Amino acid sequence: MAFNYAKEKRDFDREWSKLRDEYKAVGMTTADIEELYKFDLNWFCSRRRFMNHTQSLPAEVIAGEDSREQSSLLRKFATFSVSLDESAMGGRYGWVEEIDNPRLLDKLRKLSYEDLELLTLLAIDGHTQTEIALFKGCSQNAISKKYLRIKKVLK
């Protein structure tokens, strides 16, 4: 959402007109009021800069959706996006077959069911080590050690 400077500045000035009257009514000096105004104006300008130079990343975009709904960054740098064809995958661990590196693929195929499940939970499902530890009823440290062991095997 864009920052409409004219509208926002009008609202800001309107609010500050009320605040000036309130501050004078409680006995603040003009210099003190001006100091507060400068502080708020600096914050206002900072917020404007942030809004003008920041673009939020989009939520997950499903393949086939209208490309106009995608972030302009993703449209410009389409090579940075990744899509998985879930229909082509064979079950929960089908992602393993999508690996292009033959050495890595061979090592992944030799992993136990438990190790593949841990990698799937971390890499594909996006769970944290703490969440996985809660699922499995163990400590986060135990999950971390298992993950480091798997990482060592895959190197």
C-alpha atoms as a PDB file:
ATOM      1  CA  MET A   1       0.000   0.000   0.000  1.00  0.00           C
ATOM      2  CA  ALA A   2       1.387   3.360  -1.026  1.00  0.00           C
ATOM      3  CA  PHE A   3       1.937   6.313   1.249  1.00  0.00           C
ATOM      4  CA  ASN A   4      -0.293   9.195   0.122  1.00  0.00           C
ATOM      5  CA  TYR A   5       1.862  12.095   1.293  1.00  0.00           C
ATOM      6  CA  ALA A   6      -0.693  14.889   0.790  1.00  0.00           C
ATOM      7  CA  LYS A   7      -3.454  13.095   2.678  1.00  0.00           C
ATOM      8  CA  GLU A   8      -1.171  11.852   5.452  1.00  0.00           C
ATOM      9  CA  LYS A   9       0.416  15.313   5.889  1.00  0.00           C
ATOM     10  CA  ARG A  10      -3.029  16.951   6.074  1.00  0.00           C
ATOM     11  CA  ASP A  11      -4.074  14.455   8.759  1.00  0.00           C
ATOM     12  CA  PHE A  12      -0.797  15.014  10.592  1.00  0.00           C
ATOM     13  CA  ASP A  13      -1.211  18.815  10.531  1.00  0.00           C
ATOM     14  CA  ARG A  14      -4.854  18.539  11.638  1.00  0.00           C
ATOM     15  CA  GLU A  15      -3.868  16.346  14.591  1.00  0.00           C
ATOM     16  CA  TRP A  16      -1.025  18.687  15.517  1.00  0.00           C
ATOM     17  CA  SER A  17      -3.348  21.686  15.447  1.00  0.00           C
ATOM     18  CA  LYS A  18      -5.420  19.987  18.161  1.00  0.00           C
ATOM     19  CA  LEU A  19      -2.299  18.982  20.100  1.00  0.00           C
ATOM     20  CA  ARG A  20      -0.917  22.544  20.068  1.00  0.00           C
ATOM     21  CA  ASP A  21      -4.142  23.811  21.650  1.00  0.00           C
ATOM     22  CA  GLU A  22      -4.071  21.043  24.275  1.00  0.00           C
ATOM     23  CA  TYR A  23      -0.415  21.659  25.113  1.00  0.00           C
ATOM     24  CA  LYS A  24      -0.991  25.431  25.457  1.00  0.00           C
ATOM     25  CA  ALA A  25      -4.000  24.755  27.696  1.00  0.00           C
ATOM     26  CA  VAL A  26      -1.863  22.749  30.152  1.00  0.00           C
ATOM     27  CA  GLY A  27       0.805  25.463  30.248  1.00  0.00           C
ATOM     28  CA  MET A  28       3.598  24.205  27.990  1.00  0.00           C
ATOM     29  CA  THR A  29       5.891  26.802  26.462  1.00  0.00           C
ATOM     30  CA  THR A  30       5.905  27.484  22.736  1.00  0.00           C
ATOM     31  CA  ALA A  31       9.513  26.253  22.513  1.00  0.00           C
ATOM     32  CA  ASP A  32       8.611  22.931  24.149  1.00  0.00           C
ATOM     33  CA  ILE A  33       5.626  22.481  21.858  1.00  0.00           C
ATOM     34  CA  GLU A  34       7.802  23.229  18.837  1.00  0.00           C
ATOM     35  CA  GLU A  35      10.355  20.646  20.041  1.00  0.00           C
ATOM     36  CA  LEU A  36       7.620  17.981  20.226  1.00  0.00           C
ATOM     37  CA  TYR A  37       6.340  18.984  16.787  1.00  0.00           C
ATOM     38  CA  LYS A  38       9.824  18.617  15.256  1.00  0.00           C
ATOM     39  CA  PHE A  39      10.178  15.187  16.830  1.00  0.00           C
ATOM     40  CA  ASP A  40       6.805  14.026  15.480  1.00  0.00           C
ATOM     41  CA  LEU A  41       7.499  15.540  12.057  1.00  0.00           C
ATOM     42  CA  ASN A  42      10.814  13.672  11.915  1.00  0.00           C
ATOM     43  CA  TRP A  43       8.966  10.433  12.759  1.00  0.00           C
ATOM     44  CA  PHE A  44       6.345  11.214  10.078  1.00  0.00           C
ATOM     45  CA  CYS A  45       9.055  11.734   7.426  1.00  0.00           C
ATOM     46  CA  SER A  46      10.864   8.599   8.535  1.00  0.00           C
ATOM     47  CA  ARG A  47       7.656   6.579   8.189  1.00  0.00           C
ATOM     48  CA  ARG A  48       7.122   8.055   4.726  1.00  0.00           C
ATOM     49  CA  ARG A  49      10.631   7.047   3.624  1.00  0.00           C
ATOM     50  CA  PHE A  50      10.062   3.548   4.968  1.00  0.00           C
ATOM     51  CA  MET A  51       6.728   3.175   3.159  1.00  0.00           C
ATOM     52  CA  ASN A  52       8.178   4.480  -0.117  1.00  0.00           C
ATOM     53  CA  HIS A  53      11.226   2.222  -0.053  1.00  0.00           C
ATOM     54  CA  THR A  54       9.813  -0.998   1.341  1.00  0.00           C
ATOM     55  CA  GLN A  55       7.892  -3.671  -0.489  1.00  0.00           C
ATOM     56  CA  SER A  56       6.388  -6.556   1.391  1.00  0.00           C
ATOM     57  CA  LEU A  57       7.020 -10.032   0.104  1.00  0.00           C
ATOM     58  CA  PRO A  58       3.919 -11.783  -1.169  1.00  0.00           C
ATOM     59  CA  ALA A  59       2.220 -14.710   0.443  1.00  0.00           C
ATOM     60  CA  GLU A  60       2.703 -18.068  -1.186  1.00  0.00           C
ATOM     61  CA  VAL A  61       1.707 -17.892  -4.852  1.00  0.00           C
ATOM     62  CA  ILE A  62       0.234 -21.004  -6.417  1.00  0.00           C
ATOM     63  CA  ALA A  63       1.354 -21.821  -9.946  1.00  0.00           C
ATOM     64  CA  GLY A  64      -1.152 -20.742 -12.546  1.00  0.00           C
ATOM     65  CA  GLU A  65      -2.418 -17.742 -10.587  1.00  0.00           C
ATOM     66  CA  ASP A  66      -2.583 -14.395 -12.314  1.00  0.00           C
ATOM     67  CA  SER A  67       0.987 -13.073 -12.519  1.00  0.00           C
ATOM     68  CA  ARG A  68      -0.295  -9.535 -11.834  1.00  0.00           C
ATOM     69  CA  GLU A  69      -0.973 -10.653  -8.258  1.00  0.00           C
ATOM     70  CA  GLN A  70       2.679 -11.583  -7.792  1.00  0.00           C
ATOM     71  CA  SER A  71       5.194  -9.194  -6.302  1.00  0.00           C
ATOM     72  CA  SER A  72       6.936  -7.033  -8.880  1.00  0.00           C
ATOM     73  CA  LEU A  73      10.223  -8.354  -7.492  1.00  0.00           C
ATOM     74  CA  LEU A  74       9.189 -11.935  -8.243  1.00  0.00           C
ATOM     75  CA  ARG A  75       8.060 -10.963 -11.737  1.00  0.00           C
ATOM     76  CA  LYS A  76      11.355  -9.180 -12.393  1.00  0.00           C
ATOM     77  CA  PHE A  77      13.524 -11.942 -10.922  1.00  0.00           C
ATOM     78  CA  ALA A  78      11.506 -15.014 -11.866  1.00  0.00           C
ATOM     79  CA  THR A  79      14.619 -17.201 -11.732  1.00  0.00           C
ATOM     80  CA  PHE A  80      14.741 -16.732  -7.950  1.00  0.00           C
ATOM     81  CA  SER A  81      11.417 -18.483  -7.431  1.00  0.00           C
ATOM     82  CA  VAL A  82      11.122 -22.218  -7.009  1.00  0.00           C
ATOM     83  CA  SER A  83       8.110 -24.380  -7.607  1.00  0.00           C
ATOM     84  CA  LEU A  84       7.601 -28.027  -6.836  1.00  0.00           C
ATOM     85  CA  ASP A  85       5.295 -30.178  -8.909  1.00  0.00           C
ATOM     86  CA  GLU A  86       3.672 -32.158  -6.114  1.00  0.00           C
ATOM     87  CA  SER A  87       1.720 -34.335  -8.543  1.00  0.00           C
ATOM     88  CA  ALA A  88       4.972 -35.669  -9.982  1.00  0.00           C
ATOM     89  CA  MET A  89       6.310 -36.582  -6.554  1.00  0.00           C
ATOM     90  CA  GLY A  90       5.902 -40.070  -5.213  1.00  0.00           C
ATOM     91  CA  GLY A  91       4.575 -39.654  -1.687  1.00  0.00           C
ATOM     92  CA  ARG A  92       5.948 -37.823   1.318  1.00  0.00           C
ATOM     93  CA  TYR A  93       9.594 -38.370   0.401  1.00  0.00           C
ATOM     94  CA  GLY A  94       9.186 -37.819  -3.344  1.00  0.00           C
ATOM     95  CA  TRP A  95      11.251 -34.640  -3.043  1.00  0.00           C
ATOM     96  CA  VAL A  96      14.322 -36.863  -2.751  1.00  0.00           C
ATOM     97  CA  GLU A  97      13.852 -38.026  -6.354  1.00  0.00           C
ATOM     98  CA  GLU A  98      13.865 -34.388  -7.515  1.00  0.00           C
ATOM     99  CA  ILE A  99      17.537 -33.944  -6.448  1.00  0.00           C
ATOM    100  CA  ASP A 100      19.787 -33.415  -9.484  1.00  0.00           C
ATOM    101  CA  ASN A 101      23.118 -34.197  -7.816  1.00  0.00           C
ATOM    102  CA  PRO A 102      23.667 -37.998  -8.175  1.00  0.00           C
ATOM    103  CA  ARG A 103      26.057 -38.253  -5.202  1.00  0.00           C
ATOM    104  CA  LEU A 104      23.670 -36.420  -2.897  1.00  0.00           C
ATOM    105  CA  LEU A 105      20.725 -38.447  -4.212  1.00  0.00           C
ATOM    106  CA  ASP A 106      22.561 -41.698  -3.462  1.00  0.00           C
ATOM    107  CA  LYS A 107      23.340 -40.559   0.088  1.00  0.00           C
ATOM    108  CA  LEU A 108      19.741 -39.436   0.677  1.00  0.00           C
ATOM    109  CA  ARG A 109      18.424 -42.811  -0.497  1.00  0.00           C
ATOM    110  CA  LYS A 110      20.607 -44.550   2.092  1.00  0.00           C
ATOM    111  CA  LEU A 111      19.166 -42.534   5.008  1.00  0.00           C
ATOM    112  CA  SER A 112      16.810 -44.220   7.430  1.00  0.00           C
ATOM    113  CA  TYR A 113      13.086 -43.474   7.499  1.00  0.00           C
ATOM    114  CA  GLU A 114      13.558 -41.456  10.714  1.00  0.00           C
ATOM    115  CA  ASP A 115      16.320 -39.320   9.175  1.00  0.00           C
ATOM    116  CA  LEU A 116      14.266 -38.673   6.014  1.00  0.00           C
ATOM    117  CA  GLU A 117      11.300 -37.675   8.168  1.00  0.00           C
ATOM    118  CA  LEU A 118      13.468 -35.217  10.109  1.00  0.00           C
ATOM    119  CA  LEU A 119      14.784 -33.635   6.889  1.00  0.00           C
ATOM    120  CA  THR A 120      11.259 -33.476   5.452  1.00  0.00           C
ATOM    121  CA  LEU A 121       9.918 -31.791   8.575  1.00  0.00           C
ATOM    122  CA  LEU A 122      12.770 -29.255   8.537  1.00  0.00           C
ATOM    123  CA  ALA A 123      13.244 -28.519   4.832  1.00  0.00           C
ATOM    124  CA  ILE A 124       9.917 -29.281   3.165  1.00  0.00           C
ATOM    125  CA  ASP A 125       7.323 -28.684   5.902  1.00  0.00           C
ATOM    126  CA  GLY A 126       9.259 -25.731   7.353  1.00  0.00           C
ATOM    127  CA  HIS A 127       9.064 -26.722  11.031  1.00  0.00           C
ATOM    128  CA  THR A 128      11.660 -25.496  13.509  1.00  0.00           C
ATOM    129  CA  GLN A 129      13.811 -27.851  15.548  1.00  0.00           C
ATOM    130  CA  THR A 130      11.842 -26.864  18.652  1.00  0.00           C
ATOM    131  CA  GLU A 131       8.520 -27.761  16.999  1.00  0.00           C
ATOM    132  CA  ILE A 132       9.886 -31.120  15.854  1.00  0.00           C
ATOM    133  CA  ALA A 133      11.152 -31.819  19.357  1.00  0.00           C
ATOM    134  CA  LEU A 134       7.630 -31.198  20.688  1.00  0.00           C
ATOM    135  CA  PHE A 135       6.161 -33.576  18.057  1.00  0.00           C
ATOM    136  CA  LYS A 136       8.628 -36.304  18.902  1.00  0.00           C
ATOM    137  CA  GLY A 137       8.629 -35.748  22.664  1.00  0.00           C
ATOM    138  CA  CYS A 138      12.341 -35.044  23.016  1.00  0.00           C
ATOM    139  CA  SER A 139      14.587 -32.024  23.514  1.00  0.00           C
ATOM    140  CA  GLN A 140      15.542 -29.505  20.855  1.00  0.00           C
ATOM    141  CA  ASN A 141      19.168 -30.409  21.556  1.00  0.00           C
ATOM    142  CA  ALA A 142      18.479 -34.047  20.572  1.00  0.00           C
ATOM    143  CA  ILE A 143      16.946 -32.931  17.266  1.00  0.00           C
ATOM    144  CA  SER A 144      19.896 -30.613  16.657  1.00  0.00           C
ATOM    145  CA  LYS A 145      22.364 -33.470  17.217  1.00  0.00           C
ATOM    146  CA  LYS A 146      20.434 -35.750  14.838  1.00  0.00           C
ATOM    147  CA  TYR A 147      20.376 -33.005  12.227  1.00  0.00           C
ATOM    148  CA  LEU A 148      24.140 -32.412  12.568  1.00  0.00           C
ATOM    149  CA  ARG A 149      24.747 -36.168  12.223  1.00  0.00           C
ATOM    150  CA  ILE A 150      22.647 -36.260   9.031  1.00  0.00           C
ATOM    151  CA  LYS A 151      24.469 -33.199   7.717  1.00  0.00           C
ATOM    152  CA  LYS A 152      27.813 -34.902   8.307  1.00  0.00           C
ATOM    153  CA  VAL A 153      26.656 -38.025   6.440  1.00  0.00           C
ATOM    154  CA  LEU A 154      25.489 -35.950   3.466  1.00  0.00           C
ATOM    155  CA  LYS A 155      28.740 -33.967   3.134  1.00  0.00           C
END
